[in-house]
């Protein structure tokens, strides 16, 4: 759930509300859905001169149901101990409930009980100057180098709130200041819902009507017989079993016979005409 405050318009009165999964906030014809949530560790990074190069919350992406999350910290405005421009990157995991006795780095619950971060430090080119978009949860290390310890192993450290990660050779530091929560919302405005509902109801009504209407297929053929008369033939096919089909064809034949044009006054029936008479 997310407890929020919203207002209608820039000068509207602020109103408190709660949004839950599958229970969106409805404002007029719009709905606000709660899609996801997670944790954002708050860090501050100092450069080699002791100046703040970055400070703020960094969203980490959830990896399991216990909110074990992965993420990165990217620092572009940075100078090393000699004042040279460089860039920093920190990659790792955030665990809201870390328990050393569990034997694993994964969180043991989604509650913020014993938060910890595990970070590995890099320096070099973050790849942001080329103008291409990057994933905020991933670190492109193609043009970066890991900081190394004295024994040559990668420089990594576990941090709890208040801890500081001091980089080798006076290159700066990262301090884990605390944790904030983030939420992902989706605003949906679908003005065509009424029309879509009307169309669906009309389709259902048409389908229901077709179940009660007995469908027939009828063929009619009119040909001239050997005696010069017009012979009309009818045939029918029922889409469902029905004993009334012959009666329906007879009714149709009668109706066609009643509507048929009458013979002209000077018409002579070929069967009754004397031999040799004109037809």
Protein backbone atom coordinates (compact mmCIF):
# COMPACT_ATOMS: atom_id res chain seq x y z
CA UNK A 1 0.00 0.00 0.00
CA UNK A 2 1.03 3.57 -0.58
CA UNK A 3 -0.25 6.46 1.54
CA UNK A 4 -0.21 9.55 -0.66
CA UNK A 5 -1.53 13.10 -0.88
CA UNK A 6 -2.90 14.56 -4.12
CA UNK A 7 -4.66 17.67 -5.35
CA UNK A 8 -6.85 18.46 -8.34
CA UNK A 9 -5.13 21.23 -10.24
CA UNK A 10 -2.13 23.29 -9.19
CA UNK A 11 -4.14 25.21 -6.59
CA UNK A 12 -6.45 22.41 -5.49
CA UNK A 13 -6.91 21.30 -1.91
CA UNK A 14 -4.56 18.52 -0.85
CA UNK A 15 -6.30 15.24 -0.09
CA UNK A 16 -4.92 12.14 1.62
CA UNK A 17 -5.50 8.77 0.00
CA UNK A 18 -4.29 5.18 0.04
CA UNK A 19 -3.49 3.14 -3.06
CA UNK A 20 -3.24 -0.65 -2.92
CA UNK A 21 -2.45 -3.27 -5.52
CA UNK A 22 -5.63 -3.85 -7.59
CA UNK A 23 -7.31 -0.97 -5.73
CA UNK A 24 -6.38 2.16 -7.71
CA UNK A 25 -7.11 5.76 -6.86
CA UNK A 26 -9.92 7.09 -9.08
CA UNK A 27 -9.87 10.79 -9.95
CA UNK A 28 -12.54 11.65 -12.49
CA UNK A 29 -12.04 9.37 -15.50
CA UNK A 30 -8.44 8.59 -14.53
CA UNK A 31 -7.04 5.84 -12.33
CA UNK A 32 -3.70 5.71 -10.51
CA UNK A 33 -2.30 2.20 -9.97
CA UNK A 34 0.46 1.09 -7.59
CA UNK A 35 2.75 -1.08 -9.75
CA UNK A 36 5.83 -1.72 -7.60
CA UNK A 37 7.88 -0.47 -4.68
CA UNK A 38 11.38 -0.84 -3.34
CA UNK A 39 14.20 0.74 -1.37
CA UNK A 40 16.56 3.57 -2.27
CA UNK A 41 19.73 3.79 -0.18
CA UNK A 42 20.81 7.36 0.51
CA UNK A 43 24.52 7.86 -0.13
CA UNK A 44 26.98 10.73 -0.27
CA UNK A 45 30.19 10.55 -2.30
CA UNK A 46 33.22 12.78 -1.72
CA UNK A 47 35.98 13.22 -4.28
CA UNK A 48 39.72 13.17 -3.68
CA UNK A 49 39.62 16.80 -2.51
CA UNK A 50 36.92 16.15 0.09
CA UNK A 51 34.16 17.90 -1.85
CA UNK A 52 30.67 16.40 -2.21
CA UNK A 53 30.48 14.93 -5.72
CA UNK A 54 27.09 13.23 -5.30
CA UNK A 55 24.42 13.02 -2.64
CA UNK A 56 20.93 11.56 -2.66
CA UNK A 57 18.82 8.39 -2.78
CA UNK A 58 19.60 5.75 -5.42
CA UNK A 59 16.79 3.36 -6.40
CA UNK A 60 17.72 -0.32 -6.34
CA UNK A 61 15.76 -2.90 -8.34
CA UNK A 62 14.03 -5.74 -6.48
CA UNK A 63 15.38 -9.25 -7.26
CA UNK A 64 13.25 -11.48 -5.00
CA UNK A 65 10.19 -11.38 -2.74
CA UNK A 66 12.31 -10.36 0.25
CA UNK A 67 13.42 -7.14 -1.51
CA UNK A 68 17.00 -8.20 -2.12
CA UNK A 69 17.84 -5.48 -4.67
CA UNK A 70 20.60 -4.69 -7.13
CA UNK A 71 21.69 -1.25 -8.26
CA UNK A 72 24.52 1.15 -9.02
CA UNK A 73 25.75 4.57 -8.01
CA UNK A 74 27.12 6.70 -10.87
CA UNK A 75 29.22 9.78 -10.11
CA UNK A 76 30.12 11.95 -13.08
CA UNK A 77 31.35 15.16 -11.42
CA UNK A 78 34.46 13.81 -9.69
CA UNK A 79 38.16 14.64 -9.27
CA UNK A 80 40.77 12.32 -7.83
CA UNK A 81 43.36 13.19 -5.16
CA UNK A 82 45.50 15.00 -7.74
CA UNK A 83 42.60 17.07 -9.05
CA UNK A 84 42.23 15.14 -12.31
CA UNK A 85 38.76 14.63 -13.74
CA UNK A 86 37.44 11.10 -13.50
CA UNK A 87 34.19 9.19 -12.97
CA UNK A 88 33.17 6.74 -10.27
CA UNK A 89 30.84 3.77 -10.30
CA UNK A 90 29.66 1.58 -7.45
CA UNK A 91 27.88 -1.70 -8.18
CA UNK A 92 26.29 -4.08 -5.73
CA UNK A 93 23.31 -5.23 -3.70
CA UNK A 94 21.06 -3.78 -1.04
CA UNK A 95 19.55 -6.07 1.59
CA UNK A 96 16.84 -4.70 3.92
CA UNK A 97 17.16 -7.57 6.42
CA UNK A 98 20.72 -8.91 6.49
CA UNK A 99 21.49 -11.65 8.98
CA UNK A 100 25.15 -12.71 9.20
CA UNK A 101 24.25 -16.08 10.73
CA UNK A 102 22.17 -17.03 7.67
CA UNK A 103 25.27 -17.75 5.61
CA UNK A 104 23.92 -15.81 2.63
CA UNK A 105 23.86 -12.25 1.32
CA UNK A 106 20.15 -12.45 0.52
CA UNK A 107 17.55 -10.64 2.62
CA UNK A 108 15.67 -12.79 5.11
CA UNK A 109 12.50 -10.66 4.99
CA UNK A 110 11.13 -7.65 3.10
CA UNK A 111 11.12 -5.56 6.29
CA UNK A 112 13.71 -2.86 6.91
CA UNK A 113 15.20 -4.49 10.00
CA UNK A 114 18.95 -4.70 9.42
CA UNK A 115 19.77 -2.89 6.14
CA UNK A 116 23.13 -3.45 4.49
CA UNK A 117 24.83 -2.71 1.16
CA UNK A 118 27.55 -4.69 -0.57
CA UNK A 119 29.42 -2.49 -3.06
CA UNK A 120 32.34 -2.87 -5.47
CA UNK A 121 34.06 0.36 -6.57
CA UNK A 122 35.14 1.31 -10.12
CA UNK A 123 36.66 4.38 -11.79
CA UNK A 124 36.97 5.38 -15.44
CA UNK A 125 34.49 6.21 -18.20
CA UNK A 126 30.82 5.56 -17.37
CA UNK A 127 29.91 5.83 -21.06
CA UNK A 128 27.43 8.67 -20.53
CA UNK A 129 29.19 11.27 -22.68
CA UNK A 130 28.23 9.53 -25.92
CA UNK A 131 24.59 10.53 -25.54
CA UNK A 132 23.21 6.99 -25.53
CA UNK A 133 20.63 6.09 -22.90
CA UNK A 134 21.72 3.75 -20.11
CA UNK A 135 19.91 1.52 -17.68
CA UNK A 136 19.96 3.27 -14.29
CA UNK A 137 20.19 -0.14 -12.57
CA UNK A 138 23.26 -1.34 -14.49
CA UNK A 139 26.88 -0.23 -14.72
CA UNK A 140 28.78 -0.36 -18.02
CA UNK A 141 32.27 -1.44 -16.93
CA UNK A 142 33.73 -1.80 -20.45
CA UNK A 143 35.88 1.33 -19.98
CA UNK A 144 36.19 1.21 -16.20
CA UNK A 145 38.75 -0.26 -13.81
CA UNK A 146 38.13 -1.78 -10.41
CA UNK A 147 39.78 -0.22 -7.43
CA UNK A 148 42.20 -2.75 -5.93
CA UNK A 149 43.26 -3.51 -2.40
CA UNK A 150 46.93 -3.82 -1.46
CA UNK A 151 46.76 -7.57 -2.07
CA UNK A 152 45.39 -6.99 -5.60
CA UNK A 153 41.83 -8.15 -4.87
CA UNK A 154 38.81 -6.03 -5.95
CA UNK A 155 37.92 -3.25 -3.53
CA UNK A 156 34.51 -4.15 -2.07
CA UNK A 157 32.87 -3.57 1.28
CA UNK A 158 29.74 -4.24 3.31
CA UNK A 159 28.09 -1.05 4.59
CA UNK A 160 25.39 -0.44 7.18
CA UNK A 161 23.75 2.97 7.75
CA UNK A 162 26.42 5.38 8.97
CA UNK A 163 29.38 3.41 7.55
CA UNK A 164 31.90 4.98 5.15
CA UNK A 165 33.76 3.28 2.33
CA UNK A 166 37.15 5.03 1.91
CA UNK A 167 38.65 4.48 -1.54
CA UNK A 168 42.36 3.55 -1.94
CA UNK A 169 45.04 6.20 -2.42
CA UNK A 170 42.84 9.01 -1.14
CA UNK A 171 40.50 8.75 -4.14
CA UNK A 172 37.46 9.74 -2.06
CA UNK A 173 34.77 7.99 -0.07
CA UNK A 174 31.14 6.83 -0.06
CA UNK A 175 28.95 7.10 3.03
CA UNK A 176 25.76 5.07 3.51
CA UNK A 177 23.51 7.66 5.19
CA UNK A 178 20.14 5.88 5.33
CA UNK A 179 17.27 4.37 3.35
CA UNK A 180 14.18 5.77 1.65
CA UNK A 181 11.37 3.95 -0.12
CA UNK A 182 10.31 4.46 -3.74
CA UNK A 183 7.08 3.54 -5.50
CA UNK A 184 6.16 3.05 -9.15
CA UNK A 185 2.74 4.39 -10.21
CA UNK A 186 0.81 4.14 -13.47
CA UNK A 187 -1.79 6.73 -14.46
CA UNK A 188 -4.46 5.31 -16.77
CA UNK A 189 -6.94 7.51 -18.65
CA UNK A 190 -9.21 5.47 -20.95
CA UNK A 191 -12.01 7.59 -22.34
CA UNK A 192 -13.23 4.83 -24.69
CA UNK A 193 -14.25 2.38 -21.97
CA UNK A 194 -17.95 3.27 -22.35
CA UNK A 195 -17.91 2.69 -26.10
CA UNK A 196 -16.03 -0.57 -25.66
CA UNK A 197 -18.57 -1.75 -23.08
CA UNK A 198 -21.47 -0.80 -25.36
CA UNK A 199 -19.92 -2.70 -28.26
CA UNK A 200 -19.37 -5.77 -26.11
CA UNK A 201 -22.98 -5.73 -24.89
CA UNK A 202 -24.24 -5.34 -28.47
CA UNK A 203 -22.12 -8.30 -29.57
CA UNK A 204 -23.46 -10.43 -26.72
CA UNK A 205 -27.03 -9.45 -27.59
CA UNK A 206 -26.46 -10.38 -31.24
CA UNK A 207 -24.95 -13.71 -30.28
CA UNK A 208 -27.83 -14.48 -27.93
CA UNK A 209 -30.34 -13.58 -30.69
CA UNK A 210 -28.66 -15.94 -33.14
CA UNK A 211 -29.27 -18.82 -30.76
CA UNK A 212 -33.04 -18.35 -31.00
CA UNK A 213 -33.27 -17.70 -34.77
CA UNK A 214 -33.57 -20.80 -36.94
CA UNK A 215 -31.27 -20.29 -39.87
CA UNK A 216 -32.24 -21.61 -43.32
CA UNK A 217 -30.51 -21.69 -46.65
CA UNK A 218 -32.82 -21.75 -49.70
CA UNK A 219 -32.03 -22.17 -53.39
CA UNK A 220 -34.48 -21.14 -56.14
CA UNK A 221 -33.99 -22.03 -59.82
CA UNK A 222 -36.27 -20.99 -62.69
CA UNK A 223 -35.88 -22.74 -66.08
CA UNK A 224 -37.96 -23.06 -69.25
CA UNK A 225 -39.52 -26.48 -69.63
CA UNK A 226 -39.88 -28.48 -72.86
CA UNK A 227 -43.47 -27.26 -73.21
CA UNK A 228 -42.47 -23.59 -72.89
CA UNK A 229 -43.67 -23.19 -69.34
CA UNK A 230 -41.44 -21.69 -66.61
CA UNK A 231 -40.57 -24.34 -64.08
CA UNK A 232 -39.49 -23.12 -60.64
CA UNK A 233 -37.54 -25.50 -58.40
CA UNK A 234 -36.88 -24.92 -54.69
CA UNK A 235 -34.50 -26.59 -52.27
CA UNK A 236 -33.75 -25.87 -48.61
CA UNK A 237 -31.10 -26.67 -46.02
CA UNK A 238 -31.59 -26.23 -42.30
CA UNK A 239 -28.59 -25.22 -40.18
CA UNK A 240 -30.16 -27.19 -37.36
CA UNK A 241 -32.43 -30.22 -37.31
CA UNK A 242 -36.03 -29.16 -37.98
CA UNK A 243 -39.06 -31.14 -39.15
CA UNK A 244 -40.73 -27.95 -40.37
CA UNK A 245 -38.40 -27.39 -43.32
CA UNK A 246 -40.76 -29.06 -45.90
CA UNK A 247 -43.69 -26.97 -44.64
CA UNK A 248 -41.60 -23.80 -44.84
CA UNK A 249 -40.59 -24.61 -48.43
CA UNK A 250 -44.26 -25.27 -49.33
CA UNK A 251 -45.26 -21.90 -47.85
CA UNK A 252 -42.52 -20.19 -49.84
CA UNK A 253 -43.65 -21.92 -53.05
CA UNK A 254 -47.22 -20.82 -52.45
CA UNK A 255 -46.14 -17.26 -51.85
CA UNK A 256 -44.07 -17.25 -55.03
CA UNK A 257 -46.97 -18.70 -56.98
CA UNK A 258 -49.31 -15.99 -55.72
CA UNK A 259 -46.79 -13.33 -56.69
CA UNK A 260 -46.06 -14.80 -60.11
CA UNK A 261 -47.23 -12.71 -63.11
CA UNK A 262 -50.36 -13.90 -64.89
CA UNK A 263 -50.32 -15.13 -68.47
CA UNK A 264 -51.29 -12.59 -71.17
CA UNK A 265 -54.81 -12.73 -72.60
CA UNK A 266 -53.67 -14.12 -75.98
CA UNK A 267 -51.53 -16.82 -74.41
CA UNK A 268 -52.31 -20.31 -75.72
CA UNK A 269 -51.44 -23.28 -73.59
CA UNK A 270 -49.16 -25.45 -75.71
CA UNK A 271 -50.85 -28.57 -74.43
CA UNK A 272 -54.26 -27.33 -75.61
CA UNK A 273 -53.25 -25.60 -78.88
CA UNK A 274 -54.31 -27.29 -82.16
CA UNK A 275 -51.53 -28.88 -84.13
CA UNK A 276 -49.66 -26.38 -86.25
CA UNK A 277 -50.99 -23.33 -84.34
CA UNK A 278 -48.53 -20.64 -83.34
CA UNK A 279 -47.41 -20.37 -79.80
